């Protein structure tokens, strides 16, 4: 049985189902043993009430736990994890203590890494363990899977430096041409698109919205990089729209008669809200770099699968994706209201799991830019500058 170690900020059992949980699911179905390591928490998380912990159904399992024959989970709390405050002097004082984070994980990871064939390290706090992974798993393919542009997520400087020091990884993998271009100096960068769970979403779901409907239903299925002012302006501009927001929030949201804040929901509930909506909302913060979400956003892929128009910042738009409509597009809101559903083909998560588990010789570099929806040669040795805007 081949063995993989996944290091991520997510838990193996949680309401939201991000990409690494689907990768784990499909690798296990293909005969792999997975050690799922939840990284990015510390005793600071307990003391200050990390909102990520409050949305779990129950307290996470501390220590090492075996869930059947093909899944092991590891969760532990070091004294501190990489954090960033609003005060630069405090950040400088904190940085030397982040060595405790690596020291804490060293003995816990030694055994699973020693017998690993594959190590997948997801962007975020796990990247700080890059040197440790190379030291303890020299025999394994070590992939840095860049799911997010951590520069937009208030990442501490030490994580940004660790990301630039990417020589400890044998491969950089991402779904975004924009992110791939940032790692052009690495000898093995691959564009590996994300997917959706095609089998699970074929099941019909009951309509969760109240009837009769007073107007179009617009769903925002996620709160990553959420631009609440933009969402508020939209709700005010279209008072007949019923806006439903799913996902955890770090602050109390504004109260408007046509916005319902549902909080974190499980995956099946989220699917139902998307499947029965009329409009998909992607109100990401409109700032440089957010265009990576065009290819990395789970919600946008699910909107596309169900044939919904996706409304968001202009930076998300690309000629190859006519269903993504920018705020400043001509008659943007009217186009959303009159949109004719046209479901788009979207890959299954199986393809990403297969791609990450295949680490042989890659193909030569691309000579043309890669559209965000399709990559004819997605495996590339190095990534040149991309001309496309999404």
Protein backbone atom coordinates (compact mmCIF):
# COMPACT_ATOMS: atom_id res chain seq x y z
CA UNK A 1 0.00 0.00 0.00
CA UNK A 2 1.40 3.39 -0.98
CA UNK A 3 1.41 6.06 1.69
CA UNK A 4 0.76 9.78 1.49
CA UNK A 5 1.04 12.48 4.14
CA UNK A 6 -1.25 15.50 3.70
CA UNK A 7 -0.48 18.67 5.65
CA UNK A 8 -3.30 21.18 5.63
CA UNK A 9 -5.12 23.68 7.82
CA UNK A 10 -8.31 21.64 7.57
CA UNK A 11 -9.62 18.76 9.65
CA UNK A 12 -10.38 15.34 8.12
CA UNK A 13 -13.97 15.59 9.36
CA UNK A 14 -15.60 19.00 9.09
CA UNK A 15 -18.63 20.69 7.57
CA UNK A 16 -16.85 22.33 4.66
CA UNK A 17 -15.18 20.03 2.15
CA UNK A 18 -12.10 21.77 0.71
CA UNK A 19 -9.87 20.31 -1.97
CA UNK A 20 -7.50 18.33 0.27
CA UNK A 21 -10.40 16.37 1.77
CA UNK A 22 -11.53 15.32 -1.71
CA UNK A 23 -7.96 14.45 -2.68
CA UNK A 24 -7.70 12.30 0.45
CA UNK A 25 -11.00 10.59 -0.35
CA UNK A 26 -10.00 9.67 -3.89
CA UNK A 27 -6.47 8.60 -3.02
CA UNK A 28 -7.86 6.22 -0.40
CA UNK A 29 -10.34 4.90 -2.95
CA UNK A 30 -7.35 4.22 -5.22
CA UNK A 31 -5.65 2.13 -2.53
CA UNK A 32 -3.49 4.68 -0.73
CA UNK A 33 -3.08 5.10 3.02
CA UNK A 34 -3.45 8.74 4.04
CA UNK A 35 -2.01 10.43 7.10
CA UNK A 36 -3.97 13.66 7.45
CA UNK A 37 -2.05 16.24 9.49
CA UNK A 38 -3.95 19.35 10.62
CA UNK A 39 -1.42 22.17 10.93
CA UNK A 40 -1.85 25.85 11.75
CA UNK A 41 -3.27 25.82 15.26
CA UNK A 42 -1.65 26.24 18.67
CA UNK A 43 -2.55 26.99 22.24
CA UNK A 44 -3.10 30.55 21.04
CA UNK A 45 -6.07 29.22 19.08
CA UNK A 46 -7.60 27.85 22.27
CA UNK A 47 -6.85 30.91 24.37
CA UNK A 48 -8.18 33.48 21.89
CA UNK A 49 -11.11 31.39 20.58
CA UNK A 50 -10.11 30.75 16.96
CA UNK A 51 -13.32 31.01 14.91
CA UNK A 52 -12.24 28.02 12.82
CA UNK A 53 -12.61 25.78 15.88
CA UNK A 54 -16.03 27.15 16.78
CA UNK A 55 -17.57 25.97 13.50
CA UNK A 56 -16.68 22.30 14.02
CA UNK A 57 -19.43 19.88 15.07
CA UNK A 58 -17.31 18.83 18.05
CA UNK A 59 -13.85 19.26 19.53
CA UNK A 60 -11.09 17.91 17.25
CA UNK A 61 -9.30 14.66 18.09
CA UNK A 62 -5.97 15.47 19.72
CA UNK A 63 -3.02 13.23 19.05
CA UNK A 64 -2.78 10.36 16.57
CA UNK A 65 -5.97 8.52 15.64
CA UNK A 66 -6.56 5.64 13.23
CA UNK A 67 -9.84 5.78 11.32
CA UNK A 68 -10.04 2.36 9.71
CA UNK A 69 -7.16 0.82 7.80
CA UNK A 70 -6.40 3.61 5.35
CA UNK A 71 -6.74 6.89 7.26
CA UNK A 72 -4.72 8.25 10.16
CA UNK A 73 -5.22 11.75 11.54
CA UNK A 74 -2.77 13.83 13.54
CA UNK A 75 -3.74 17.00 15.40
CA UNK A 76 -1.61 18.64 18.04
CA UNK A 77 -1.18 22.07 19.57
CA UNK A 78 2.30 23.60 19.65
CA UNK A 79 2.89 26.53 22.00
CA UNK A 80 2.55 28.98 19.08
CA UNK A 81 1.84 28.99 15.36
CA UNK A 82 2.67 31.63 12.71
CA UNK A 83 0.38 34.60 13.30
CA UNK A 84 0.38 38.22 12.21
CA UNK A 85 -0.85 41.13 14.28
CA UNK A 86 -1.59 44.69 13.19
CA UNK A 87 1.60 45.94 14.84
CA UNK A 88 4.92 45.43 13.04
CA UNK A 89 7.07 45.63 16.22
CA UNK A 90 5.04 42.83 17.82
CA UNK A 91 5.37 40.74 14.67
CA UNK A 92 9.15 41.13 14.78
CA UNK A 93 9.20 40.09 18.43
CA UNK A 94 7.02 37.04 17.76
CA UNK A 95 8.97 35.70 14.81
CA UNK A 96 11.84 33.99 16.71
CA UNK A 97 9.28 32.01 18.71
CA UNK A 98 7.89 30.38 15.56
CA UNK A 99 10.80 27.94 15.76
CA UNK A 100 8.77 26.26 18.52
CA UNK A 101 6.17 25.43 15.87
CA UNK A 102 8.64 23.42 13.79
CA UNK A 103 10.24 21.83 16.85
CA UNK A 104 6.84 20.66 18.07
CA UNK A 105 6.00 18.91 14.81
CA UNK A 106 9.39 17.28 14.26
CA UNK A 107 8.88 14.17 16.47
CA UNK A 108 5.21 13.80 15.53
CA UNK A 109 5.92 13.67 11.80
CA UNK A 110 9.07 11.54 11.88
CA UNK A 111 7.33 8.14 11.61
CA UNK A 112 4.74 8.91 8.91
CA UNK A 113 7.25 10.86 6.81
CA UNK A 114 9.85 8.09 6.99
CA UNK A 115 7.57 5.69 5.11
CA UNK A 116 5.81 8.21 2.84
CA UNK A 117 5.78 7.87 -0.93
CA UNK A 118 4.07 11.24 -1.33
CA UNK A 119 3.87 14.38 0.80
CA UNK A 120 1.38 17.12 -0.08
CA UNK A 121 1.86 20.39 1.78
CA UNK A 122 -0.96 22.88 1.30
CA UNK A 123 -0.35 26.63 1.26
CA UNK A 124 -0.56 28.35 4.62
CA UNK A 125 1.22 27.53 7.89
CA UNK A 126 2.28 24.04 6.66
CA UNK A 127 4.79 25.64 4.25
CA UNK A 128 6.95 26.58 7.23
CA UNK A 129 7.63 22.84 7.61
CA UNK A 130 9.20 22.59 4.13
CA UNK A 131 12.78 22.02 5.37
CA UNK A 132 11.54 19.44 7.88
CA UNK A 133 9.67 17.54 5.15
CA UNK A 134 12.78 17.41 2.97
CA UNK A 135 14.85 16.24 5.93
CA UNK A 136 12.48 13.52 7.13
CA UNK A 137 11.06 12.38 3.77
CA UNK A 138 13.96 12.62 1.28
CA UNK A 139 12.61 9.54 -0.51
CA UNK A 140 9.16 11.01 -1.17
CA UNK A 141 7.71 13.25 -3.84
CA UNK A 142 7.09 16.47 -1.92
CA UNK A 143 4.44 18.72 -3.45
CA UNK A 144 3.64 22.25 -2.40
CA UNK A 145 -0.01 22.58 -3.37
CA UNK A 146 -0.83 26.28 -3.63
CA UNK A 147 -4.57 26.52 -3.06
CA UNK A 148 -4.48 30.20 -2.10
CA UNK A 149 -2.36 33.26 -2.66
CA UNK A 150 -1.35 33.65 0.97
CA UNK A 151 -0.25 37.24 0.32
CA UNK A 152 -3.96 38.12 0.28
CA UNK A 153 -4.69 36.23 3.50
CA UNK A 154 -2.63 38.37 5.89
CA UNK A 155 0.10 35.74 6.09
CA UNK A 156 3.04 36.46 8.41
CA UNK A 157 6.27 37.47 6.70
CA UNK A 158 7.93 34.23 7.77
CA UNK A 159 5.42 32.25 5.68
CA UNK A 160 6.02 34.45 2.64
CA UNK A 161 9.75 33.83 2.95
CA UNK A 162 9.20 30.10 3.44
CA UNK A 163 7.11 30.05 0.27
CA UNK A 164 9.88 31.76 -1.70
CA UNK A 165 12.37 29.23 -0.31
CA UNK A 166 10.59 26.45 -2.23
CA UNK A 167 13.60 24.30 -3.07
CA UNK A 168 12.58 21.81 -0.38
CA UNK A 169 9.69 20.70 -2.59
CA UNK A 170 10.11 18.50 -5.64
CA UNK A 171 7.06 20.03 -7.29
CA UNK A 172 4.82 23.08 -7.11
CA UNK A 173 1.18 22.43 -8.00
CA UNK A 174 -1.64 24.94 -8.43
CA UNK A 175 -4.79 25.43 -10.46
CA UNK A 176 -3.98 29.05 -11.26
CA UNK A 177 -1.72 30.30 -14.07
CA UNK A 178 -1.29 33.50 -12.04
CA UNK A 179 0.04 31.63 -9.04
CA UNK A 180 2.15 29.32 -11.21
CA UNK A 181 3.92 32.32 -12.72
CA UNK A 182 5.13 33.33 -9.25
CA UNK A 183 7.08 30.07 -9.01
CA UNK A 184 8.68 30.21 -12.45
CA UNK A 185 12.13 29.75 -10.92
CA UNK A 186 11.21 26.29 -9.60
CA UNK A 187 12.17 23.45 -12.02
CA UNK A 188 8.87 21.60 -11.71
CA UNK A 189 5.66 23.63 -11.69
CA UNK A 190 2.39 22.01 -12.76
CA UNK A 191 -1.06 23.43 -13.38
CA UNK A 192 -3.52 20.94 -11.91
CA UNK A 193 -7.16 22.11 -12.03
CA UNK A 194 -9.48 21.64 -9.09
CA UNK A 195 -12.76 19.79 -9.51
CA UNK A 196 -16.16 19.03 -8.08
CA UNK A 197 -17.63 15.80 -6.66
CA UNK A 198 -19.60 14.72 -9.71
CA UNK A 199 -21.02 11.59 -8.08
CA UNK A 200 -22.28 13.41 -5.00
CA UNK A 201 -23.91 16.28 -6.86
CA UNK A 202 -25.90 14.01 -9.16
CA UNK A 203 -28.20 13.32 -6.20
CA UNK A 204 -31.28 15.53 -6.27
CA UNK A 205 -31.65 17.90 -3.33
CA UNK A 206 -34.75 19.52 -1.82
CA UNK A 207 -35.21 23.23 -2.41
CA UNK A 208 -34.05 25.00 0.79
CA UNK A 209 -35.50 28.39 -0.14
CA UNK A 210 -38.88 29.64 1.10
CA UNK A 211 -41.77 29.75 -1.33
CA UNK A 212 -43.21 31.65 -3.00
CA UNK A 213 -40.05 33.44 -4.08
CA UNK A 214 -40.36 37.23 -3.93
CA UNK A 215 -37.51 37.64 -6.42
CA UNK A 216 -34.34 36.07 -7.81
CA UNK A 217 -32.30 33.97 -5.39
CA UNK A 218 -28.60 34.87 -5.22
CA UNK A 219 -26.29 32.57 -3.25
CA UNK A 220 -22.83 33.36 -1.91
CA UNK A 221 -21.46 29.92 -1.04
CA UNK A 222 -18.37 30.89 0.91
CA UNK A 223 -16.81 33.76 2.81
CA UNK A 224 -13.11 33.60 1.90
CA UNK A 225 -11.86 37.14 1.13
CA UNK A 226 -15.47 38.31 1.44
CA UNK A 227 -16.09 41.93 0.47
CA UNK A 228 -19.02 42.72 2.76
CA UNK A 229 -19.40 46.35 1.57
CA UNK A 230 -19.69 45.16 -2.05
CA UNK A 231 -22.27 42.57 -1.02
CA UNK A 232 -24.21 45.22 0.87
CA UNK A 233 -24.19 47.60 -2.10
CA UNK A 234 -25.49 44.81 -4.30
CA UNK A 235 -28.34 44.00 -1.91
CA UNK A 236 -29.32 47.67 -1.75
CA UNK A 237 -29.16 48.05 -5.54
CA UNK A 238 -31.41 45.01 -6.04
CA UNK A 239 -33.85 44.92 -3.09
CA UNK A 240 -35.92 42.26 -4.87
CA UNK A 241 -32.98 39.84 -4.82
CA UNK A 242 -32.92 37.42 -1.91
CA UNK A 243 -29.25 37.03 -0.97
CA UNK A 244 -28.15 33.97 1.02
CA UNK A 245 -24.61 33.84 2.43
CA UNK A 246 -23.08 30.57 3.62
CA UNK A 247 -19.84 30.44 5.59
CA UNK A 248 -18.26 31.53 8.84
CA UNK A 249 -17.71 35.20 9.59
CA UNK A 250 -15.14 36.93 11.78
CA UNK A 251 -17.40 39.89 12.48
CA UNK A 252 -21.07 40.68 12.96
CA UNK A 253 -22.56 41.28 9.49
CA UNK A 254 -24.89 44.16 8.61
CA UNK A 255 -28.62 43.61 8.88
CA UNK A 256 -30.52 44.03 5.63
CA UNK A 257 -34.00 42.72 4.85
CA UNK A 258 -32.87 40.79 1.78
CA UNK A 259 -29.66 39.21 3.11
CA UNK A 260 -29.75 35.99 5.14
CA UNK A 261 -26.52 34.95 6.88
CA UNK A 262 -26.56 31.18 7.39
CA UNK A 263 -23.10 30.63 8.89
CA UNK A 264 -21.02 27.52 8.20
CA UNK A 265 -23.03 24.73 6.56
CA UNK A 266 -22.24 21.14 5.69
CA UNK A 267 -21.42 20.23 2.12
CA UNK A 268 -24.79 18.70 1.21
CA UNK A 269 -26.66 21.73 2.51
CA UNK A 270 -24.37 24.02 0.52
CA UNK A 271 -24.99 21.98 -2.62
CA UNK A 272 -28.74 22.40 -2.22
CA UNK A 273 -28.45 26.17 -1.84
CA UNK A 274 -26.36 26.35 -5.02
CA UNK A 275 -28.46 23.93 -7.08
CA UNK A 276 -31.70 25.83 -6.46
CA UNK A 277 -30.34 29.37 -6.75
CA UNK A 278 -30.70 31.68 -9.74
CA UNK A 279 -27.45 33.63 -9.39
CA UNK A 280 -24.03 32.77 -7.97
CA UNK A 281 -22.16 35.47 -6.07
CA UNK A 282 -18.37 35.67 -5.78
CA UNK A 283 -17.87 38.99 -3.94
CA UNK A 284 -14.16 38.56 -3.31
CA UNK A 285 -12.24 41.61 -2.17
CA UNK A 286 -11.34 43.55 -5.30
CA UNK A 287 -7.57 43.79 -4.92
CA UNK A 288 -4.56 42.79 -7.03
CA UNK A 289 -4.01 39.05 -7.02
CA UNK A 290 -7.59 37.99 -6.37
CA UNK A 291 -7.91 36.87 -10.00
CA UNK A 292 -6.44 33.51 -8.97
CA UNK A 293 -9.88 32.67 -7.61
CA UNK A 294 -11.19 32.33 -11.17
CA UNK A 295 -9.57 28.90 -11.30
CA UNK A 296 -9.16 28.13 -7.57
CA UNK A 297 -12.65 28.86 -6.26
CA UNK A 298 -14.77 25.81 -5.44
CA UNK A 299 -17.92 27.88 -5.43
CA UNK A 300 -17.30 29.28 -8.92
CA UNK A 301 -16.84 25.76 -10.28
CA UNK A 302 -20.09 24.64 -8.64
CA UNK A 303 -21.90 27.70 -10.02
CA UNK A 304 -20.60 26.85 -13.49
CA UNK A 305 -21.62 23.21 -13.17
CA UNK A 306 -25.18 24.26 -12.34
CA UNK A 307 -25.26 26.84 -15.13
CA UNK A 308 -25.53 29.91 -12.91
CA UNK A 309 -24.14 33.31 -13.79
CA UNK A 310 -21.31 34.30 -11.44
CA UNK A 311 -21.22 37.93 -10.34
CA UNK A 312 -18.02 39.34 -8.86
CA UNK A 313 -15.10 41.75 -9.32
CA UNK A 314 -13.97 42.47 -12.87
CA UNK A 315 -10.61 40.85 -12.07
CA UNK A 316 -12.30 37.44 -12.13
CA UNK A 317 -13.48 37.82 -15.73
CA UNK A 318 -11.91 36.05 -18.71
CA UNK A 319 -13.10 35.73 -22.33
CA UNK A 320 -13.16 31.94 -22.02
CA UNK A 321 -15.65 32.16 -19.13
CA UNK A 322 -18.67 34.18 -20.29
CA UNK A 323 -20.67 33.08 -17.24
CA UNK A 324 -18.39 35.13 -14.96
CA UNK A 325 -19.78 38.67 -15.02
CA UNK A 326 -17.91 41.65 -13.57
CA UNK A 327 -19.63 44.34 -11.54
CA UNK A 328 -18.86 46.98 -14.18
CA UNK A 329 -19.91 44.85 -17.15
CA UNK A 330 -22.68 46.49 -19.21
CA UNK A 331 -26.06 45.71 -17.65
CA UNK A 332 -24.38 43.24 -15.27
CA UNK A 333 -27.28 42.89 -12.85
CA UNK A 334 -29.89 42.68 -15.61
CA UNK A 335 -27.82 39.99 -17.35
CA UNK A 336 -27.80 37.96 -14.14
CA UNK A 337 -31.57 38.23 -13.82
CA UNK A 338 -32.21 37.15 -17.43
CA UNK A 339 -29.49 34.49 -17.59
CA UNK A 340 -30.39 31.21 -19.28
CA UNK A 341 -28.97 28.26 -17.39
CA UNK A 342 -26.23 26.54 -19.36
CA UNK A 343 -24.37 23.95 -17.25
CA UNK A 344 -20.65 23.78 -18.06
CA UNK A 345 -18.44 20.67 -18.02
CA UNK A 346 -16.24 20.66 -14.92
CA UNK A 347 -13.72 17.92 -13.97
CA UNK A 348 -14.18 15.56 -11.06
CA UNK A 349 -11.87 15.66 -8.03
CA UNK A 350 -10.55 12.28 -9.14
CA UNK A 351 -8.42 13.96 -11.79
CA UNK A 352 -6.64 16.16 -9.26
CA UNK A 353 -5.96 13.18 -6.99
CA UNK A 354 -4.55 11.24 -9.92
CA UNK A 355 -2.39 14.16 -11.02
CA UNK A 356 -0.93 14.72 -7.57
CA UNK A 357 -0.11 11.03 -7.22
CA UNK A 358 1.75 10.93 -10.55
CA UNK A 359 5.22 12.37 -10.16
CA UNK A 360 7.26 11.11 -13.08
CA UNK A 361 8.92 13.06 -15.86
CA UNK A 362 6.98 16.17 -16.84
CA UNK A 363 6.52 17.75 -20.23
CA UNK A 364 8.42 20.76 -21.64
CA UNK A 365 7.26 24.29 -20.86
CA UNK A 366 4.20 25.83 -22.44
CA UNK A 367 4.87 28.36 -25.18
CA UNK A 368 1.44 30.00 -25.02
CA UNK A 369 -0.72 31.22 -22.17
CA UNK A 370 -3.08 28.76 -20.57
CA UNK A 371 -6.78 29.69 -20.35
CA UNK A 372 -8.21 29.23 -16.86
CA UNK A 373 -10.83 26.67 -17.88
CA UNK A 374 -8.69 24.24 -19.85
CA UNK A 375 -5.03 23.36 -19.98
CA UNK A 376 -4.19 21.20 -23.00
CA UNK A 377 -0.75 20.45 -21.53
CA UNK A 378 -1.29 21.00 -17.83
CA UNK A 379 2.00 19.38 -16.73
CA UNK A 380 4.82 21.82 -17.31
CA UNK A 381 8.47 21.87 -16.31
CA UNK A 382 8.61 25.61 -15.80
CA UNK A 383 5.99 28.27 -16.22
CA UNK A 384 6.65 31.33 -18.39
CA UNK A 385 4.96 34.65 -17.91
CA UNK A 386 1.26 34.33 -18.64
CA UNK A 387 -0.44 36.71 -20.98
CA UNK A 388 -3.97 35.82 -19.97
CA UNK A 389 -5.72 37.89 -17.33
CA UNK A 390 -7.42 35.10 -15.40
